[in-house]
């Protein structure tokens, strides 16, 4: 009979291999709190974490990001997770970080784990009301283009909608927020805000849009560009303080393809290196192609488009100059009256021979 037992040395090597290939995990709780809110609410967040390692205690680092600039050192805490078992952290923001404000929590470990949270209002006399908020991986979450369910009804018997954005990058980012009537597609409001590195932001959506005094049964809300991995809204009942967490859905930001009522503005800037000349360029205007002869460095094109193509292309023709000099084409997009600081892509080329090159950007 053939011996099918594995050699002892092979088993040891296999265990070493498995130990060294444990999958590191980073998860975000995009909204957490330990602070009072409107209409007598008092918000706290409970955190549940479950280790996916069977045979040893693992260590996890929790970091709290607030509405302060990312240059401020965020508070951290270390959590030990028992093997293959959950733990509960009550009022996590106060317990782990000693904070009494809202923000986002990042959880990191060299080993895999699961996490979940709930944020509840403890300020009422009719029990707890609140919302479950899952943990999300930045590499797997939706870009948060479209936000469904936003509504605004004033007064203590109405409800409000907050929008939350977590900048998971180490640079300051700009975002446009656009709301339209889903039936008429009329523009309800547009605003642009900047979020600092690793900064958490939350505010009343309709106050940001300047229409908090209006009753809005339902708004079609989009964010642009998609640099943010954490975008959500929370619709809160003013009577009970009960909130509903609504995650941003992936999809087109400001769907303009096939929709003649939605406009989009595009700006293209050409910048030349020293000694570079361009004979002419071709770019799509609102009424068809536009040709510009011998454009100077810093030349800008502006176009308002409807039913835009999947790509917006600028042709640079007849480039010449000392190698490796070239031209940089920066294509920026924004919704009407939005902010130009978001959504820019730059392209460059180098060489001293004439070219006929198209610089294109996906814009829908």
Protein backbone atom coordinates (compact mmCIF):
# COMPACT_ATOMS: atom_id res chain seq x y z
CA UNK A 1 0.00 0.00 0.00
CA UNK A 2 1.36 3.38 -1.02
CA UNK A 3 2.13 5.79 1.83
CA UNK A 4 0.17 8.99 1.22
CA UNK A 5 1.35 10.81 4.36
CA UNK A 6 3.20 14.05 3.65
CA UNK A 7 6.79 14.29 4.83
CA UNK A 8 7.24 16.27 8.03
CA UNK A 9 9.58 18.73 6.31
CA UNK A 10 6.97 19.42 3.63
CA UNK A 11 4.27 20.12 6.23
CA UNK A 12 6.56 22.56 8.04
CA UNK A 13 7.38 24.35 4.79
CA UNK A 14 3.68 24.49 3.91
CA UNK A 15 2.81 26.05 7.28
CA UNK A 16 5.61 28.61 6.86
CA UNK A 17 4.35 29.44 3.38
CA UNK A 18 0.77 29.92 4.59
CA UNK A 19 1.96 32.09 7.47
CA UNK A 20 3.99 34.33 5.16
CA UNK A 21 1.19 34.70 2.60
CA UNK A 22 -1.54 35.87 5.00
CA UNK A 23 -3.63 38.49 3.24
CA UNK A 24 -3.37 41.99 4.67
CA UNK A 25 -6.70 43.79 5.03
CA UNK A 26 -7.69 47.48 4.98
CA UNK A 27 -11.33 48.40 5.57
CA UNK A 28 -13.05 51.75 6.08
CA UNK A 29 -16.10 52.63 8.15
CA UNK A 30 -17.11 55.76 6.17
CA UNK A 31 -19.17 57.33 8.97
CA UNK A 32 -18.87 57.05 12.74
CA UNK A 33 -19.73 59.39 15.60
CA UNK A 34 -19.86 60.15 19.29
CA UNK A 35 -21.57 63.53 19.40
CA UNK A 36 -24.93 65.34 19.55
CA UNK A 37 -26.89 66.23 16.40
CA UNK A 38 -30.02 68.14 15.45
CA UNK A 39 -33.38 67.87 17.24
CA UNK A 40 -31.93 66.38 20.42
CA UNK A 41 -30.16 63.45 18.78
CA UNK A 42 -27.07 61.86 20.31
CA UNK A 43 -25.07 59.69 17.93
CA UNK A 44 -22.77 56.83 18.91
CA UNK A 45 -21.13 54.09 16.87
CA UNK A 46 -20.69 50.45 17.89
CA UNK A 47 -18.04 48.48 16.05
CA UNK A 48 -17.88 44.72 15.48
CA UNK A 49 -14.69 43.11 14.20
CA UNK A 50 -14.18 39.42 13.44
CA UNK A 51 -10.77 37.78 13.03
CA UNK A 52 -10.48 35.33 10.13
CA UNK A 53 -7.35 33.71 11.56
CA UNK A 54 -7.96 30.38 13.30
CA UNK A 55 -4.95 29.81 15.50
CA UNK A 56 -3.50 33.06 16.82
CA UNK A 57 -4.39 36.50 18.14
CA UNK A 58 -3.86 39.20 15.53
CA UNK A 59 -3.29 42.93 15.89
CA UNK A 60 -5.32 45.61 14.13
CA UNK A 61 -4.68 49.36 13.85
CA UNK A 62 -7.65 51.74 13.90
CA UNK A 63 -7.22 55.35 12.70
CA UNK A 64 -9.83 58.09 13.06
CA UNK A 65 -10.16 60.74 10.32
CA UNK A 66 -12.17 63.87 11.13
CA UNK A 67 -13.21 67.06 9.36
CA UNK A 68 -9.81 68.55 10.19
CA UNK A 69 -7.14 68.82 7.49
CA UNK A 70 -5.14 65.67 6.83
CA UNK A 71 -1.94 67.36 8.00
CA UNK A 72 -3.21 66.99 11.55
CA UNK A 73 -1.96 63.70 13.01
CA UNK A 74 -5.04 61.48 13.29
CA UNK A 75 -5.56 59.50 16.50
CA UNK A 76 -4.79 55.76 16.38
CA UNK A 77 -5.58 52.74 18.52
CA UNK A 78 -4.41 49.11 18.55
CA UNK A 79 -6.97 46.32 18.84
CA UNK A 80 -6.16 42.66 19.57
CA UNK A 81 -8.49 40.15 17.92
CA UNK A 82 -8.79 36.61 19.34
CA UNK A 83 -8.56 33.64 16.96
CA UNK A 84 -11.55 33.17 14.67
CA UNK A 85 -13.88 35.18 16.92
CA UNK A 86 -15.63 38.56 17.05
CA UNK A 87 -15.22 41.46 19.45
CA UNK A 88 -17.51 44.41 20.11
CA UNK A 89 -16.37 47.98 20.79
CA UNK A 90 -19.18 50.10 22.23
CA UNK A 91 -19.12 53.83 21.41
CA UNK A 92 -15.98 53.18 19.36
CA UNK A 93 -15.07 56.81 18.62
CA UNK A 94 -14.91 57.71 22.32
CA UNK A 95 -13.59 54.34 23.51
CA UNK A 96 -10.77 53.95 20.99
CA UNK A 97 -9.81 57.54 20.25
CA UNK A 98 -11.16 59.69 23.10
CA UNK A 99 -13.00 61.87 20.55
CA UNK A 100 -16.46 63.43 20.72
CA UNK A 101 -17.01 64.26 17.05
CA UNK A 102 -17.95 62.48 13.81
CA UNK A 103 -15.52 61.08 11.27
CA UNK A 104 -14.39 57.94 9.43
CA UNK A 105 -12.49 54.94 10.80
CA UNK A 106 -9.78 53.07 8.89
CA UNK A 107 -9.00 49.52 10.06
CA UNK A 108 -5.74 47.84 9.01
CA UNK A 109 -4.13 44.48 9.76
CA UNK A 110 -1.53 42.17 8.26
CA UNK A 111 -4.18 39.45 8.45
CA UNK A 112 -7.74 39.14 7.10
CA UNK A 113 -10.73 40.22 9.16
CA UNK A 114 -14.34 41.32 8.79
CA UNK A 115 -15.93 44.48 10.22
CA UNK A 116 -19.37 46.01 10.59
CA UNK A 117 -20.78 48.97 12.49
CA UNK A 118 -23.99 50.62 13.53
CA UNK A 119 -24.50 54.28 14.33
CA UNK A 120 -27.52 54.95 16.55
CA UNK A 121 -29.33 57.86 18.16
CA UNK A 122 -29.43 57.36 21.93
CA UNK A 123 -30.98 60.76 22.66
CA UNK A 124 -34.66 59.78 22.45
CA UNK A 125 -37.00 58.23 25.01
CA UNK A 126 -38.51 55.63 22.66
CA UNK A 127 -35.52 53.34 22.29
CA UNK A 128 -32.63 53.37 19.87
CA UNK A 129 -32.91 54.45 16.23
CA UNK A 130 -30.08 54.26 13.76
CA UNK A 131 -28.40 52.67 10.80
CA UNK A 132 -26.00 49.86 10.02
CA UNK A 133 -22.91 51.04 8.14
CA UNK A 134 -20.75 48.30 6.59
CA UNK A 135 -16.99 48.39 6.25
CA UNK A 136 -15.72 48.96 2.71
CA UNK A 137 -12.46 48.20 0.95
CA UNK A 138 -11.13 51.17 -1.10
CA UNK A 139 -10.17 48.79 -3.88
CA UNK A 140 -13.63 47.26 -4.17
CA UNK A 141 -16.10 50.04 -3.44
CA UNK A 142 -18.18 51.86 -5.99
CA UNK A 143 -16.93 55.31 -7.05
CA UNK A 144 -20.09 56.87 -5.68
CA UNK A 145 -21.22 58.59 -8.87
CA UNK A 146 -24.97 58.44 -8.27
CA UNK A 147 -26.78 58.95 -4.96
CA UNK A 148 -30.32 57.62 -4.77
CA UNK A 149 -32.98 58.60 -2.25
CA UNK A 150 -32.03 62.22 -1.44
CA UNK A 151 -34.99 64.27 -0.20
CA UNK A 152 -35.69 67.35 1.90
CA UNK A 153 -38.75 68.27 3.99
CA UNK A 154 -38.32 71.08 6.51
CA UNK A 155 -39.41 71.23 10.13
CA UNK A 156 -39.51 68.85 13.10
CA UNK A 157 -41.99 66.58 11.30
CA UNK A 158 -39.91 66.39 8.12
CA UNK A 159 -36.58 64.87 7.20
CA UNK A 160 -33.15 65.94 6.00
CA UNK A 161 -30.38 64.41 3.90
CA UNK A 162 -26.69 64.58 4.72
CA UNK A 163 -23.97 63.83 2.17
CA UNK A 164 -20.68 62.33 3.30
CA UNK A 165 -17.35 62.12 1.46
CA UNK A 166 -14.13 60.54 2.65
CA UNK A 167 -10.95 61.50 0.81
CA UNK A 168 -8.84 58.34 0.99
CA UNK A 169 -5.90 59.95 -0.82
CA UNK A 170 -3.00 62.06 0.47
CA UNK A 171 -3.78 65.06 -1.76
CA UNK A 172 -6.46 67.74 -1.63
CA UNK A 173 -9.31 66.83 -3.98
CA UNK A 174 -12.21 68.82 -5.44
CA UNK A 175 -15.67 67.46 -6.06
CA UNK A 176 -18.74 68.83 -7.78
CA UNK A 177 -22.17 67.96 -6.40
CA UNK A 178 -25.09 68.25 -8.81
CA UNK A 179 -28.80 67.76 -8.10
CA UNK A 180 -31.61 67.66 -10.65
CA UNK A 181 -35.34 67.02 -10.65
CA UNK A 182 -35.58 63.38 -11.81
CA UNK A 183 -38.80 64.06 -13.74
CA UNK A 184 -38.07 67.35 -15.51
CA UNK A 185 -34.24 67.14 -15.33
CA UNK A 186 -34.25 70.80 -14.25
CA UNK A 187 -31.15 71.77 -12.33
CA UNK A 188 -31.88 72.09 -8.59
CA UNK A 189 -28.41 73.14 -7.55
CA UNK A 190 -24.67 72.80 -8.12
CA UNK A 191 -21.82 73.27 -5.69
CA UNK A 192 -18.11 72.52 -5.53
CA UNK A 193 -16.16 71.69 -2.38
CA UNK A 194 -12.56 70.82 -1.56
CA UNK A 195 -11.60 67.99 0.77
CA UNK A 196 -8.11 67.81 2.29
CA UNK A 197 -5.86 64.74 2.47
CA UNK A 198 -7.48 61.90 4.43
CA UNK A 199 -10.26 64.24 5.46
CA UNK A 200 -13.83 63.29 6.32
CA UNK A 201 -16.65 65.60 5.31
CA UNK A 202 -20.37 65.52 6.02
CA UNK A 203 -22.96 68.25 5.59
CA UNK A 204 -26.61 68.87 4.85
CA UNK A 205 -26.87 68.21 1.11
CA UNK A 206 -29.55 70.78 0.40
CA UNK A 207 -27.86 73.47 2.48
CA UNK A 208 -24.70 72.94 0.42
CA UNK A 209 -26.75 73.35 -2.75
CA UNK A 210 -28.37 76.53 -1.37
CA UNK A 211 -31.92 75.14 -1.50
CA UNK A 212 -32.53 73.99 2.08
CA UNK A 213 -35.68 76.17 2.21
CA UNK A 214 -37.26 74.14 -0.61
CA UNK A 215 -39.25 70.95 -0.26
CA UNK A 216 -37.76 68.32 -2.54
CA UNK A 217 -39.55 64.98 -2.78
CA UNK A 218 -36.69 63.34 -4.65
CA UNK A 219 -33.44 64.57 -6.19
CA UNK A 220 -31.20 62.96 -8.76
CA UNK A 221 -27.76 63.58 -7.22
CA UNK A 222 -24.38 62.97 -8.85
CA UNK A 223 -20.80 63.65 -7.81
CA UNK A 224 -17.96 64.42 -10.19
CA UNK A 225 -15.13 63.50 -10.59
CA UNK A 226 -14.72 59.97 -9.25
CA UNK A 227 -11.56 60.52 -7.20
CA UNK A 228 -13.44 59.64 -4.02
CA UNK A 229 -13.81 56.04 -2.96
CA UNK A 230 -16.19 56.81 -0.09
CA UNK A 231 -19.38 58.69 -0.97
CA UNK A 232 -22.73 58.26 0.78
CA UNK A 233 -25.88 60.00 1.94
CA UNK A 234 -27.84 59.60 5.16
CA UNK A 235 -31.55 60.41 5.13
CA UNK A 236 -32.67 61.28 8.68
CA UNK A 237 -36.19 61.58 10.09
CA UNK A 238 -36.40 64.79 12.12
CA UNK A 239 -38.95 63.35 14.57
CA UNK A 240 -37.19 60.19 15.69
CA UNK A 241 -33.64 60.90 14.59
CA UNK A 242 -33.76 57.61 12.69
CA UNK A 243 -31.32 57.59 9.79
CA UNK A 244 -30.97 55.49 6.65
CA UNK A 245 -27.47 55.00 5.28
CA UNK A 246 -27.40 54.98 1.44
CA UNK A 247 -24.18 54.05 -0.31
CA UNK A 248 -23.17 55.78 -3.54
CA UNK A 249 -23.94 53.67 -6.61
CA UNK A 250 -21.52 53.24 -9.46
CA UNK A 251 -22.44 54.55 -12.85
CA UNK A 252 -22.10 57.61 -15.03
CA UNK A 253 -21.57 60.93 -13.29
CA UNK A 254 -24.05 63.32 -14.87
CA UNK A 255 -25.34 61.05 -17.61
CA UNK A 256 -25.19 63.16 -20.75
CA UNK A 257 -24.94 60.56 -23.47
CA UNK A 258 -28.36 60.30 -25.11
CA UNK A 259 -29.84 63.00 -22.88
CA UNK A 260 -30.23 66.30 -24.77
CA UNK A 261 -31.23 68.22 -21.64
CA UNK A 262 -27.94 67.74 -19.82
CA UNK A 263 -25.02 70.00 -20.59
CA UNK A 264 -21.37 69.52 -19.87
CA UNK A 265 -18.50 71.98 -20.19
CA UNK A 266 -15.05 71.02 -21.42
CA UNK A 267 -11.92 73.15 -21.34
CA UNK A 268 -8.71 72.23 -23.14
CA UNK A 269 -5.40 74.00 -22.45
CA UNK A 270 -2.29 73.61 -24.64
CA UNK A 271 1.13 74.31 -23.14
CA UNK A 272 4.29 74.19 -25.29
CA UNK A 273 7.87 73.62 -24.27
CA UNK A 274 10.48 76.21 -25.33
CA UNK A 275 11.05 76.23 -29.07
CA UNK A 276 7.92 74.24 -29.90
CA UNK A 277 5.45 75.41 -32.51
CA UNK A 278 2.10 73.99 -33.59
CA UNK A 279 0.67 74.64 -37.06
CA UNK A 280 -2.96 74.16 -36.09
CA UNK A 281 -5.33 72.19 -33.91
CA UNK A 282 -8.78 70.75 -34.37
CA UNK A 283 -11.28 70.39 -31.56
CA UNK A 284 -15.02 69.64 -31.33
CA UNK A 285 -17.07 72.77 -30.74
CA UNK A 286 -20.73 72.97 -29.82
CA UNK A 287 -21.69 73.35 -33.52
CA UNK A 288 -19.10 71.03 -35.08
CA UNK A 289 -15.30 70.85 -35.49
CA UNK A 290 -13.30 74.02 -34.86
CA UNK A 291 -9.90 74.67 -36.51
CA UNK A 292 -7.43 77.09 -34.96
CA UNK A 293 -4.28 78.18 -36.83
CA UNK A 294 -0.94 78.60 -35.03
CA UNK A 295 -2.32 78.63 -31.47
CA UNK A 296 -0.06 80.23 -28.88
CA UNK A 297 1.13 78.41 -25.78
CA UNK A 298 -1.51 78.53 -23.09
CA UNK A 299 -4.29 78.43 -25.68
CA UNK A 300 -7.65 77.45 -24.21
CA UNK A 301 -10.74 76.00 -25.83
CA UNK A 302 -14.16 76.05 -24.20
CA UNK A 303 -17.05 73.89 -25.32
CA UNK A 304 -20.55 73.27 -24.02
CA UNK A 305 -21.71 69.84 -25.16
CA UNK A 306 -25.00 67.94 -25.16
CA UNK A 307 -25.34 64.25 -25.91
CA UNK A 308 -21.56 64.07 -25.76
CA UNK A 309 -19.52 61.31 -27.39
CA UNK A 310 -17.75 58.72 -25.29
CA UNK A 311 -14.47 60.46 -26.06
CA UNK A 312 -13.55 64.13 -26.49
CA UNK A 313 -10.50 64.42 -28.76
CA UNK A 314 -8.23 67.33 -29.59
CA UNK A 315 -5.97 66.95 -32.65
CA UNK A 316 -2.57 68.67 -32.55
CA UNK A 317 -1.08 68.92 -36.06
CA UNK A 318 2.37 69.93 -37.30
CA UNK A 319 4.31 69.97 -34.04
CA UNK A 320 7.98 70.86 -34.44
CA UNK A 321 10.77 71.78 -32.08
CA UNK A 322 13.98 70.57 -30.46
CA UNK A 323 13.82 67.00 -29.16
CA UNK A 324 12.71 65.97 -26.58
CA UNK A 325 10.48 69.02 -26.32
CA UNK A 326 6.74 68.62 -26.70
CA UNK A 327 3.27 69.91 -25.98
CA UNK A 328 1.01 69.16 -23.05
CA UNK A 329 -2.75 68.97 -23.56
CA UNK A 330 -4.88 69.27 -20.42
CA UNK A 331 -8.56 68.41 -20.78
CA UNK A 332 -10.80 69.45 -17.87
CA UNK A 333 -14.52 68.84 -17.46
CA UNK A 334 -17.24 70.22 -15.22
CA UNK A 335 -21.00 70.46 -14.97
CA UNK A 336 -22.51 73.89 -15.72
CA UNK A 337 -21.46 76.42 -13.05
CA UNK A 338 -19.33 73.75 -11.38
CA UNK A 339 -15.65 73.76 -10.49
CA UNK A 340 -12.85 73.42 -13.05
CA UNK A 341 -10.41 72.15 -10.42
CA UNK A 342 -11.69 68.58 -10.66
CA UNK A 343 -11.53 66.10 -13.49
CA UNK A 344 -8.40 67.24 -15.32
CA UNK A 345 -6.28 64.87 -17.39
CA UNK A 346 -3.00 65.86 -19.01
CA UNK A 347 -1.27 64.26 -21.99
CA UNK A 348 2.11 65.10 -23.49
CA UNK A 349 4.26 64.16 -26.46
CA UNK A 350 7.88 64.77 -27.38
CA UNK A 351 9.76 64.92 -30.68
CA UNK A 352 11.00 67.26 -33.40
CA UNK A 353 9.06 65.92 -36.37
CA UNK A 354 5.59 66.96 -37.55
CA UNK A 355 2.79 64.96 -35.97
CA UNK A 356 -0.93 64.49 -36.30
CA UNK A 357 -1.91 63.22 -32.89
CA UNK A 358 -5.24 63.05 -31.11
CA UNK A 359 -5.41 63.62 -27.36
CA UNK A 360 -8.63 62.07 -26.03
CA UNK A 361 -10.48 61.87 -22.76
CA UNK A 362 -13.42 59.76 -21.65
CA UNK A 363 -15.95 62.32 -20.48
CA UNK A 364 -19.22 60.58 -19.64
